Amino acid sequence: NEEVVARAIFDCPIPIISAVGHEIDISIADLVADRRALTP
């Protein structure tokens, strides 16, 4: 949920899938990533 991680994902030229926590959890990384997964 830290800003430094969110901006690193946003600036990354490679597509990123974020998989943080389980289905009930959502993070800032999930919102910024190109695709969110509910689990790893």
All heavy atoms as atom14 arrays in JSON, in Angstrom:
{
  "sequence": "NEEVVARAIFDCPIPIISAVGHEIDISIADLVADRRALTP",
  "atom14_mask": [
    [1, 1, 1, 1, 1, 1, 1, 1, 0, 0, 0, 0, 0, 0],
    [1, 1, 1, 1, 1, 1, 1, 1, 1, 0, 0, 0, 0, 0],
    [1, 1, 1, 1, 1, 1, 1, 1, 1, 0, 0, 0, 0, 0],
    [1, 1, 1, 1, 1, 1, 1, 0, 0, 0, 0, 0, 0, 0],
    [1, 1, 1, 1, 1, 1, 1, 0, 0, 0, 0, 0, 0, 0],
    [1, 1, 1, 1, 1, 0, 0, 0, 0, 0, 0, 0, 0, 0],
    [1, 1, 1, 1, 1, 1, 1, 1, 1, 1, 1, 0, 0, 0],
    [1, 1, 1, 1, 1, 0, 0, 0, 0, 0, 0, 0, 0, 0],
    [1, 1, 1, 1, 1, 1, 1, 1, 0, 0, 0, 0, 0, 0],
    [1, 1, 1, 1, 1, 1, 1, 1, 1, 1, 1, 0, 0, 0],
    [1, 1, 1, 1, 1, 1, 1, 1, 0, 0, 0, 0, 0, 0],
    [1, 1, 1, 1, 1, 1, 0, 0, 0, 0, 0, 0, 0, 0],
    [1, 1, 1, 1, 1, 1, 1, 0, 0, 0, 0, 0, 0, 0],
    [1, 1, 1, 1, 1, 1, 1, 1, 0, 0, 0, 0, 0, 0],
    [1, 1, 1, 1, 1, 1, 1, 0, 0, 0, 0, 0, 0, 0],
    [1, 1, 1, 1, 1, 1, 1, 1, 0, 0, 0, 0, 0, 0],
    [1, 1, 1, 1, 1, 1, 1, 1, 0, 0, 0, 0, 0, 0],
    [1, 1, 1, 1, 1, 1, 0, 0, 0, 0, 0, 0, 0, 0],
    [1, 1, 1, 1, 1, 0, 0, 0, 0, 0, 0, 0, 0, 0],
    [1, 1, 1, 1, 1, 1, 1, 0, 0, 0, 0, 0, 0, 0],
    [1, 1, 1, 1, 0, 0, 0, 0, 0, 0, 0, 0, 0, 0],
    [1, 1, 1, 1, 1, 1, 1, 1, 1, 1, 0, 0, 0, 0],
    [1, 1, 1, 1, 1, 1, 1, 1, 1, 0, 0, 0, 0, 0],
    [1, 1, 1, 1, 1, 1, 1, 1, 0, 0, 0, 0, 0, 0],
    [1, 1, 1, 1, 1, 1, 1, 1, 0, 0, 0, 0, 0, 0],
    [1, 1, 1, 1, 1, 1, 1, 1, 0, 0, 0, 0, 0, 0],
    [1, 1, 1, 1, 1, 1, 0, 0, 0, 0, 0, 0, 0, 0],
    [1, 1, 1, 1, 1, 1, 1, 1, 0, 0, 0, 0, 0, 0],
    [1, 1, 1, 1, 1, 0, 0, 0, 0, 0, 0, 0, 0, 0],
    [1, 1, 1, 1, 1, 1, 1, 1, 0, 0, 0, 0, 0, 0],
    [1, 1, 1, 1, 1, 1, 1, 1, 0, 0, 0, 0, 0, 0],
    [1, 1, 1, 1, 1, 1, 1, 0, 0, 0, 0, 0, 0, 0],
    [1, 1, 1, 1, 1, 0, 0, 0, 0, 0, 0, 0, 0, 0],
    [1, 1, 1, 1, 1, 1, 1, 1, 0, 0, 0, 0, 0, 0],
    [1, 1, 1, 1, 1, 1, 1, 1, 1, 1, 1, 0, 0, 0],
    [1, 1, 1, 1, 1, 1, 1, 1, 1, 1, 1, 0, 0, 0],
    [1, 1, 1, 1, 1, 0, 0, 0, 0, 0, 0, 0, 0, 0],
    [1, 1, 1, 1, 1, 1, 1, 1, 0, 0, 0, 0, 0, 0],
    [1, 1, 1, 1, 1, 1, 1, 0, 0, 0, 0, 0, 0, 0],
    [1, 1, 1, 1, 1, 1, 1, 0, 0, 0, 0, 0, 0, 0]
  ],
  "atom14_positions": [
    [[0.82, -1.21, 0.0], [0.0, 0.0, 0.0], [0.85, 1.26, 0.0], [0.31, 2.37, 0.01], [-0.93, 0.02, 1.23], [-2.01, -1.03, 1.15], [-2.56, -1.3, 0.08], [-2.32, -1.66, 2.27], [0.0, 0.0, 0.0], [0.0, 0.0, 0.0], [0.0, 0.0, 0.0], [0.0, 0.0, 0.0], [0.0, 0.0, 0.0], [0.0, 0.0, 0.0]],
    [[2.15, 1.1, -0.02], [3.04, 2.25, 0.02], [3.11, 2.92, -1.35], [3.02, 2.27, -2.4], [4.46, 1.83, 0.44], [4.56, 1.3, 1.87], [4.55, 2.4, 2.92], [4.42, 3.58, 2.53], [4.67, 2.07, 4.11], [0.0, 0.0, 0.0], [0.0, 0.0, 0.0], [0.0, 0.0, 0.0], [0.0, 0.0, 0.0], [0.0, 0.0, 0.0]],
    [[3.28, 4.25, -1.31], [3.3, 5.03, -2.56], [4.46, 4.63, -3.46], [4.33, 4.6, -4.69], [3.38, 6.52, -2.22], [3.32, 7.42, -3.44], [3.25, 8.9, -3.06], [3.25, 9.19, -1.84], [3.2, 9.73, -3.98], [0.0, 0.0, 0.0], [0.0, 0.0, 0.0], [0.0, 0.0, 0.0], [0.0, 0.0, 0.0], [0.0, 0.0, 0.0]],
    [[5.62, 4.3, -2.87], [6.78, 3.97, -3.68], [6.53, 2.72, -4.53], [6.98, 2.62, -5.68], [8.02, 3.78, -2.77], [7.85, 2.6, -1.82], [9.28, 3.61, -3.6], [0.0, 0.0, 0.0], [0.0, 0.0, 0.0], [0.0, 0.0, 0.0], [0.0, 0.0, 0.0], [0.0, 0.0, 0.0], [0.0, 0.0, 0.0], [0.0, 0.0, 0.0]],
    [[5.78, 1.76, -3.99], [5.45, 0.55, -4.75], [4.45, 0.88, -5.86], [4.58, 0.42, -7.0], [4.89, -0.54, -3.81], [4.4, -1.73, -4.63], [5.95, -0.98, -2.82], [0.0, 0.0, 0.0], [0.0, 0.0, 0.0], [0.0, 0.0, 0.0], [0.0, 0.0, 0.0], [0.0, 0.0, 0.0], [0.0, 0.0, 0.0], [0.0, 0.0, 0.0]],
    [[3.45, 1.7, -5.52], [2.43, 2.06, -6.52], [3.08, 2.76, -7.71], [2.76, 2.46, -8.87], [1.38, 2.96, -5.88], [0.0, 0.0, 0.0], [0.0, 0.0, 0.0], [0.0, 0.0, 0.0], [0.0, 0.0, 0.0], [0.0, 0.0, 0.0], [0.0, 0.0, 0.0], [0.0, 0.0, 0.0], [0.0, 0.0, 0.0], [0.0, 0.0, 0.0]],
    [[3.99, 3.67, -7.46], [4.61, 4.41, -8.56], [5.58, 3.51, -9.35], [5.73, 3.68, -10.57], [5.32, 5.65, -8.04], [4.35, 6.63, -7.38], [4.92, 8.02, -7.27], [3.95, 8.91, -6.63], [2.95, 9.51, -7.27], [2.78, 9.3, -8.58], [2.12, 10.31, -6.64], [0.0, 0.0, 0.0], [0.0, 0.0, 0.0], [0.0, 0.0, 0.0]],
    [[6.23, 2.57, -8.68], [7.1, 1.63, -9.41], [6.28, 0.77, -10.36], [6.7, 0.51, -11.5], [7.87, 0.77, -8.42], [0.0, 0.0, 0.0], [0.0, 0.0, 0.0], [0.0, 0.0, 0.0], [0.0, 0.0, 0.0], [0.0, 0.0, 0.0], [0.0, 0.0, 0.0], [0.0, 0.0, 0.0], [0.0, 0.0, 0.0], [0.0, 0.0, 0.0]],
    [[5.11, 0.33, -9.93], [4.23, -0.47, -10.8], [3.73, 0.38, -11.96], [3.71, -0.05, -13.12], [3.04, -1.03, -9.99], [3.53, -2.05, -8.95], [2.0, -1.66, -10.91], [2.44, -2.56, -8.03], [0.0, 0.0, 0.0], [0.0, 0.0, 0.0], [0.0, 0.0, 0.0], [0.0, 0.0, 0.0], [0.0, 0.0, 0.0], [0.0, 0.0, 0.0]],
    [[3.33, 1.6, -11.68], [2.79, 2.48, -12.73], [3.85, 2.81, -13.78], [3.55, 2.89, -14.98], [2.26, 3.77, -12.09], [1.6, 4.71, -13.08], [0.31, 4.47, -13.52], [2.29, 5.81, -13.56], [-0.29, 5.34, -14.43], [1.69, 6.68, -14.47], [0.41, 6.44, -14.9], [0.0, 0.0, 0.0], [0.0, 0.0, 0.0], [0.0, 0.0, 0.0]],
    [[5.08, 3.0, -13.34], [6.16, 3.38, -14.27], [6.79, 2.2, -14.99], [7.61, 2.39, -15.89], [7.26, 4.14, -13.5], [6.77, 5.47, -12.95], [5.82, 6.03, -13.52], [7.34, 5.95, -11.94], [0.0, 0.0, 0.0], [0.0, 0.0, 0.0], [0.0, 0.0, 0.0], [0.0, 0.0, 0.0], [0.0, 0.0, 0.0], [0.0, 0.0, 0.0]],
    [[6.43, 0.99, -14.6], [7.06, -0.19, -15.19], [6.59, -0.4, -16.63], [5.38, -0.42, -16.9], [6.74, -1.44, -14.36], [7.55, -2.93, -14.97], [0.0, 0.0, 0.0], [0.0, 0.0, 0.0], [0.0, 0.0, 0.0], [0.0, 0.0, 0.0], [0.0, 0.0, 0.0], [0.0, 0.0, 0.0], [0.0, 0.0, 0.0], [0.0, 0.0, 0.0]],
    [[7.52, -0.57, -17.58], [7.11, -0.78, -18.98], [6.63, -2.2, -19.27], [6.07, -2.44, -20.33], [8.4, -0.48, -19.75], [9.5, -0.83, -18.8], [8.99, -0.48, -17.43], [0.0, 0.0, 0.0], [0.0, 0.0, 0.0], [0.0, 0.0, 0.0], [0.0, 0.0, 0.0], [0.0, 0.0, 0.0], [0.0, 0.0, 0.0], [0.0, 0.0, 0.0]],
    [[6.83, -3.12, -18.32], [6.42, -4.51, -18.5], [5.08, -4.72, -17.8], [4.87, -4.23, -16.69], [7.47, -5.48, -17.92], [8.86, -5.17, -18.49], [7.09, -6.92, -18.22], [8.97, -5.31, -19.98], [0.0, 0.0, 0.0], [0.0, 0.0, 0.0], [0.0, 0.0, 0.0], [0.0, 0.0, 0.0], [0.0, 0.0, 0.0], [0.0, 0.0, 0.0]],
    [[4.14, -5.43, -18.41], [2.85, -5.7, -17.75], [3.03, -6.41, -16.41], [3.84, -7.34, -16.3], [2.1, -6.59, -18.76], [2.74, -6.28, -20.07], [4.18, -5.98, -19.78], [0.0, 0.0, 0.0], [0.0, 0.0, 0.0], [0.0, 0.0, 0.0], [0.0, 0.0, 0.0], [0.0, 0.0, 0.0], [0.0, 0.0, 0.0], [0.0, 0.0, 0.0]],
    [[2.28, -5.97, -15.39], [2.43, -6.49, -14.03], [1.09, -7.05, -13.55], [0.04, -6.41, -13.71], [2.92, -5.4, -13.06], [4.35, -4.97, -13.42], [2.88, -5.9, -11.61], [4.93, -3.94, -12.48], [0.0, 0.0, 0.0], [0.0, 0.0, 0.0], [0.0, 0.0, 0.0], [0.0, 0.0, 0.0], [0.0, 0.0, 0.0], [0.0, 0.0, 0.0]],
    [[1.16, -8.23, -12.97], [0.01, -8.83, -12.28], [0.27, -8.71, -10.79], [1.32, -9.12, -10.3], [-0.18, -10.3, -12.68], [-0.38, -10.44, -14.18], [-1.37, -10.9, -11.93], [-0.45, -11.88, -14.66], [0.0, 0.0, 0.0], [0.0, 0.0, 0.0], [0.0, 0.0, 0.0], [0.0, 0.0, 0.0], [0.0, 0.0, 0.0], [0.0, 0.0, 0.0]],
    [[-0.7, -8.16, -10.06], [-0.57, -8.01, -8.61], [-1.39, -9.09, -7.92], [-2.57, -9.28, -8.24], [-1.03, -6.62, -8.17], [-1.03, -6.51, -6.76], [0.0, 0.0, 0.0], [0.0, 0.0, 0.0], [0.0, 0.0, 0.0], [0.0, 0.0, 0.0], [0.0, 0.0, 0.0], [0.0, 0.0, 0.0], [0.0, 0.0, 0.0], [0.0, 0.0, 0.0]],
    [[-0.77, -9.79, -7.0], [-1.47, -10.84, -6.25], [-1.12, -10.67, -4.77], [-0.15, -11.25, -4.28], [-1.05, -12.21, -6.75], [0.0, 0.0, 0.0], [0.0, 0.0, 0.0], [0.0, 0.0, 0.0], [0.0, 0.0, 0.0], [0.0, 0.0, 0.0], [0.0, 0.0, 0.0], [0.0, 0.0, 0.0], [0.0, 0.0, 0.0], [0.0, 0.0, 0.0]],
    [[-1.91, -9.87, -4.09], [-1.62, -9.54, -2.69], [-2.76, -10.06, -1.83], [-3.9, -9.62, -1.95], [-1.46, -8.02, -2.49], [-1.14, -7.72, -1.03], [-0.37, -7.48, -3.4], [0.0, 0.0, 0.0], [0.0, 0.0, 0.0], [0.0, 0.0, 0.0], [0.0, 0.0, 0.0], [0.0, 0.0, 0.0], [0.0, 0.0, 0.0], [0.0, 0.0, 0.0]],
    [[-2.46, -11.0, -0.93], [-3.46, -11.46, 0.03], [-4.43, -12.43, -0.59], [-4.17, -13.08, -1.61], [0.0, 0.0, 0.0], [0.0, 0.0, 0.0], [0.0, 0.0, 0.0], [0.0, 0.0, 0.0], [0.0, 0.0, 0.0], [0.0, 0.0, 0.0], [0.0, 0.0, 0.0], [0.0, 0.0, 0.0], [0.0, 0.0, 0.0], [0.0, 0.0, 0.0]],
    [[-5.61, -12.52, 0.02], [-6.66, -13.42, -0.44], [-7.79, -12.6, -1.03], [-7.68, -11.39, -1.22], [-7.15, -14.29, 0.72], [-6.06, -15.19, 1.26], [-5.5, -16.19, 0.5], [-5.42, -15.22, 2.46], [-4.57, -16.82, 1.21], [-4.5, -16.24, 2.4], [0.0, 0.0, 0.0], [0.0, 0.0, 0.0], [0.0, 0.0, 0.0], [0.0, 0.0, 0.0]],
    [[-8.89, -13.25, -1.33], [-9.97, -12.62, -2.07], [-10.52, -11.37, -1.38], [-10.91, -10.41, -2.03], [-11.11, -13.61, -2.29], [-10.7, -14.8, -3.15], [-11.86, -15.74, -3.39], [-13.0, -15.34, -3.11], [-11.64, -16.87, -3.85], [0.0, 0.0, 0.0], [0.0, 0.0, 0.0], [0.0, 0.0, 0.0], [0.0, 0.0, 0.0], [0.0, 0.0, 0.0]],
    [[-10.57, -11.36, -0.06], [-11.2, -10.24, 0.64], [-10.26, -9.05, 0.76], [-10.68, -7.97, 1.15], [-11.67, -10.68, 2.05], [-10.46, -11.16, 2.89], [-12.73, -11.75, 1.96], [-10.83, -11.45, 4.34], [0.0, 0.0, 0.0], [0.0, 0.0, 0.0], [0.0, 0.0, 0.0], [0.0, 0.0, 0.0], [0.0, 0.0, 0.0], [0.0, 0.0, 0.0]],
    [[-8.98, -9.26, 0.45], [-8.01, -8.18, 0.59], [-7.83, -7.46, -0.74], [-7.86, -8.07, -1.8], [-6.65, -8.74, 1.04], [-6.74, -9.47, 2.36], [-7.4, -8.93, 3.26], [-6.17, -10.57, 2.47], [0.0, 0.0, 0.0], [0.0, 0.0, 0.0], [0.0, 0.0, 0.0], [0.0, 0.0, 0.0], [0.0, 0.0, 0.0], [0.0, 0.0, 0.0]],
    [[-7.63, -6.16, -0.67], [-7.3, -5.37, -1.86], [-6.27, -4.34, -1.43], [-6.35, -3.77, -0.33], [-8.54, -4.7, -2.48], [-8.16, -4.05, -3.81], [-9.16, -3.7, -1.53], [-9.37, -3.6, -4.61], [0.0, 0.0, 0.0], [0.0, 0.0, 0.0], [0.0, 0.0, 0.0], [0.0, 0.0, 0.0], [0.0, 0.0, 0.0], [0.0, 0.0, 0.0]],
    [[-5.29, -4.13, -2.28], [-4.2, -3.22, -1.95], [-4.09, -2.14, -3.02], [-4.69, -2.23, -4.09], [-2.88, -3.99, -1.84], [-2.52, -4.52, -3.11], [0.0, 0.0, 0.0], [0.0, 0.0, 0.0], [0.0, 0.0, 0.0], [0.0, 0.0, 0.0], [0.0, 0.0, 0.0], [0.0, 0.0, 0.0], [0.0, 0.0, 0.0], [0.0, 0.0, 0.0]],
    [[-3.3, -1.13, -2.7], [-3.01, -0.09, -3.69], [-2.31, -0.7, -4.9], [-2.57, -0.33, -6.04], [-2.14, 1.01, -3.06], [-2.9, 1.72, -1.9], [-1.73, 2.04, -4.11], [-4.14, 2.46, -2.34], [0.0, 0.0, 0.0], [0.0, 0.0, 0.0], [0.0, 0.0, 0.0], [0.0, 0.0, 0.0], [0.0, 0.0, 0.0], [0.0, 0.0, 0.0]],
    [[-1.42, -1.67, -4.66], [-0.74, -2.34, -5.77], [-1.74, -3.01, -6.7], [-1.57, -3.0, -7.92], [0.26, -3.37, -5.23], [0.0, 0.0, 0.0], [0.0, 0.0, 0.0], [0.0, 0.0, 0.0], [0.0, 0.0, 0.0], [0.0, 0.0, 0.0], [0.0, 0.0, 0.0], [0.0, 0.0, 0.0], [0.0, 0.0, 0.0], [0.0, 0.0, 0.0]],
    [[-2.8, -3.61, -6.13], [-3.83, -4.24, -6.96], [-4.51, -3.22, -7.87], [-4.82, -3.51, -9.03], [-4.9, -4.91, -6.08], [-4.35, -6.1, -5.31], [-3.4, -6.71, -5.8], [-4.87, -6.38, -4.22], [0.0, 0.0, 0.0], [0.0, 0.0, 0.0], [0.0, 0.0, 0.0], [0.0, 0.0, 0.0], [0.0, 0.0, 0.0], [0.0, 0.0, 0.0]],
    [[-4.74, -2.03, -7.36], [-5.45, -1.0, -8.12], [-4.59, -0.42, -9.23], [-5.1, -0.04, -10.29], [-5.92, 0.12, -7.18], [-6.88, -0.31, -6.07], [-7.17, 0.87, -5.14], [-8.19, -0.82, -6.66], [0.0, 0.0, 0.0], [0.0, 0.0, 0.0], [0.0, 0.0, 0.0], [0.0, 0.0, 0.0], [0.0, 0.0, 0.0], [0.0, 0.0, 0.0]],
    [[-3.28, -0.35, -9.02], [-2.39, 0.25, -10.02], [-1.97, -0.78, -11.08], [-1.77, -0.42, -12.24], [-1.13, 0.84, -9.35], [-0.24, 1.52, -10.37], [-1.53, 1.85, -8.28], [0.0, 0.0, 0.0], [0.0, 0.0, 0.0], [0.0, 0.0, 0.0], [0.0, 0.0, 0.0], [0.0, 0.0, 0.0], [0.0, 0.0, 0.0], [0.0, 0.0, 0.0]],
    [[-1.87, -2.04, -10.69], [-1.33, -3.07, -11.58], [-2.18, -3.22, -12.84], [-3.36, -2.85, -12.87], [-1.25, -4.41, -10.85], [0.0, 0.0, 0.0], [0.0, 0.0, 0.0], [0.0, 0.0, 0.0], [0.0, 0.0, 0.0], [0.0, 0.0, 0.0], [0.0, 0.0, 0.0], [0.0, 0.0, 0.0], [0.0, 0.0, 0.0], [0.0, 0.0, 0.0]],
    [[-1.58, -3.79, -13.88], [-2.29, -4.01, -15.13], [-3.36, -5.09, -14.99], [-4.35, -5.08, -15.72], [-1.29, -4.41, -16.23], [-0.25, -3.33, -16.45], [-0.62, -2.23, -16.88], [0.94, -3.58, -16.17], [0.0, 0.0, 0.0], [0.0, 0.0, 0.0], [0.0, 0.0, 0.0], [0.0, 0.0, 0.0], [0.0, 0.0, 0.0], [0.0, 0.0, 0.0]],
    [[-3.18, -6.01, -14.04], [-4.18, -7.04, -13.8], [-4.1, -7.43, -12.34], [-3.02, -7.54, -11.77], [-3.89, -8.26, -14.7], [-4.96, -9.35, -14.67], [-6.21, -8.92, -15.41], [-7.24, -9.94, -15.37], [-7.36, -10.92, -16.26], [-6.5, -11.0, -17.28], [-8.34, -11.8, -16.17], [0.0, 0.0, 0.0], [0.0, 0.0, 0.0], [0.0, 0.0, 0.0]],
    [[-5.24, -7.62, -11.7], [-5.27, -8.02, -10.3], [-5.69, -9.48, -10.2], [-6.64, -9.92, -10.87], [-6.25, -7.16, -9.51], [-6.26, -7.54, -8.02], [-7.59, -7.3, -7.36], [-7.62, -7.86, -6.02], [-8.71, -8.02, -5.29], [-9.88, -7.66, -5.78], [-8.65, -8.53, -4.09], [0.0, 0.0, 0.0], [0.0, 0.0, 0.0], [0.0, 0.0, 0.0]],
    [[-4.98, -10.23, -9.4], [-5.35, -11.61, -9.11], [-5.77, -11.71, -7.66], [-5.22, -11.03, -6.78], [-4.17, -12.55, -9.38], [0.0, 0.0, 0.0], [0.0, 0.0, 0.0], [0.0, 0.0, 0.0], [0.0, 0.0, 0.0], [0.0, 0.0, 0.0], [0.0, 0.0, 0.0], [0.0, 0.0, 0.0], [0.0, 0.0, 0.0], [0.0, 0.0, 0.0]],
    [[-6.74, -12.57, -7.38], [-7.24, -12.69, -6.02], [-6.23, -13.41, -5.12], [-6.17, -13.15, -3.92], [-8.57, -13.44, -6.03], [-9.7, -12.77, -6.82], [-10.97, -13.61, -6.76], [-9.97, -11.36, -6.31], [0.0, 0.0, 0.0], [0.0, 0.0, 0.0], [0.0, 0.0, 0.0], [0.0, 0.0, 0.0], [0.0, 0.0, 0.0], [0.0, 0.0, 0.0]],
    [[-5.45, -14.3, -5.7], [-4.44, -15.05, -4.94], [-3.2, -15.21, -5.81], [-3.27, -15.08, -7.04], [-4.96, -16.45, -4.55], [-5.2, -17.2, -5.75], [-6.25, -16.35, -3.74], [0.0, 0.0, 0.0], [0.0, 0.0, 0.0], [0.0, 0.0, 0.0], [0.0, 0.0, 0.0], [0.0, 0.0, 0.0], [0.0, 0.0, 0.0], [0.0, 0.0, 0.0]],
    [[-2.05, -15.53, -5.22], [-0.86, -15.81, -6.04], [-1.08, -16.96, -7.03], [-0.58, -16.9, -8.15], [0.2, -16.16, -5.0], [-0.22, -15.41, -3.77], [-1.71, -15.46, -3.78], [0.0, 0.0, 0.0], [0.0, 0.0, 0.0], [0.0, 0.0, 0.0], [0.0, 0.0, 0.0], [0.0, 0.0, 0.0], [0.0, 0.0, 0.0], [0.0, 0.0, 0.0]]
  ]
}
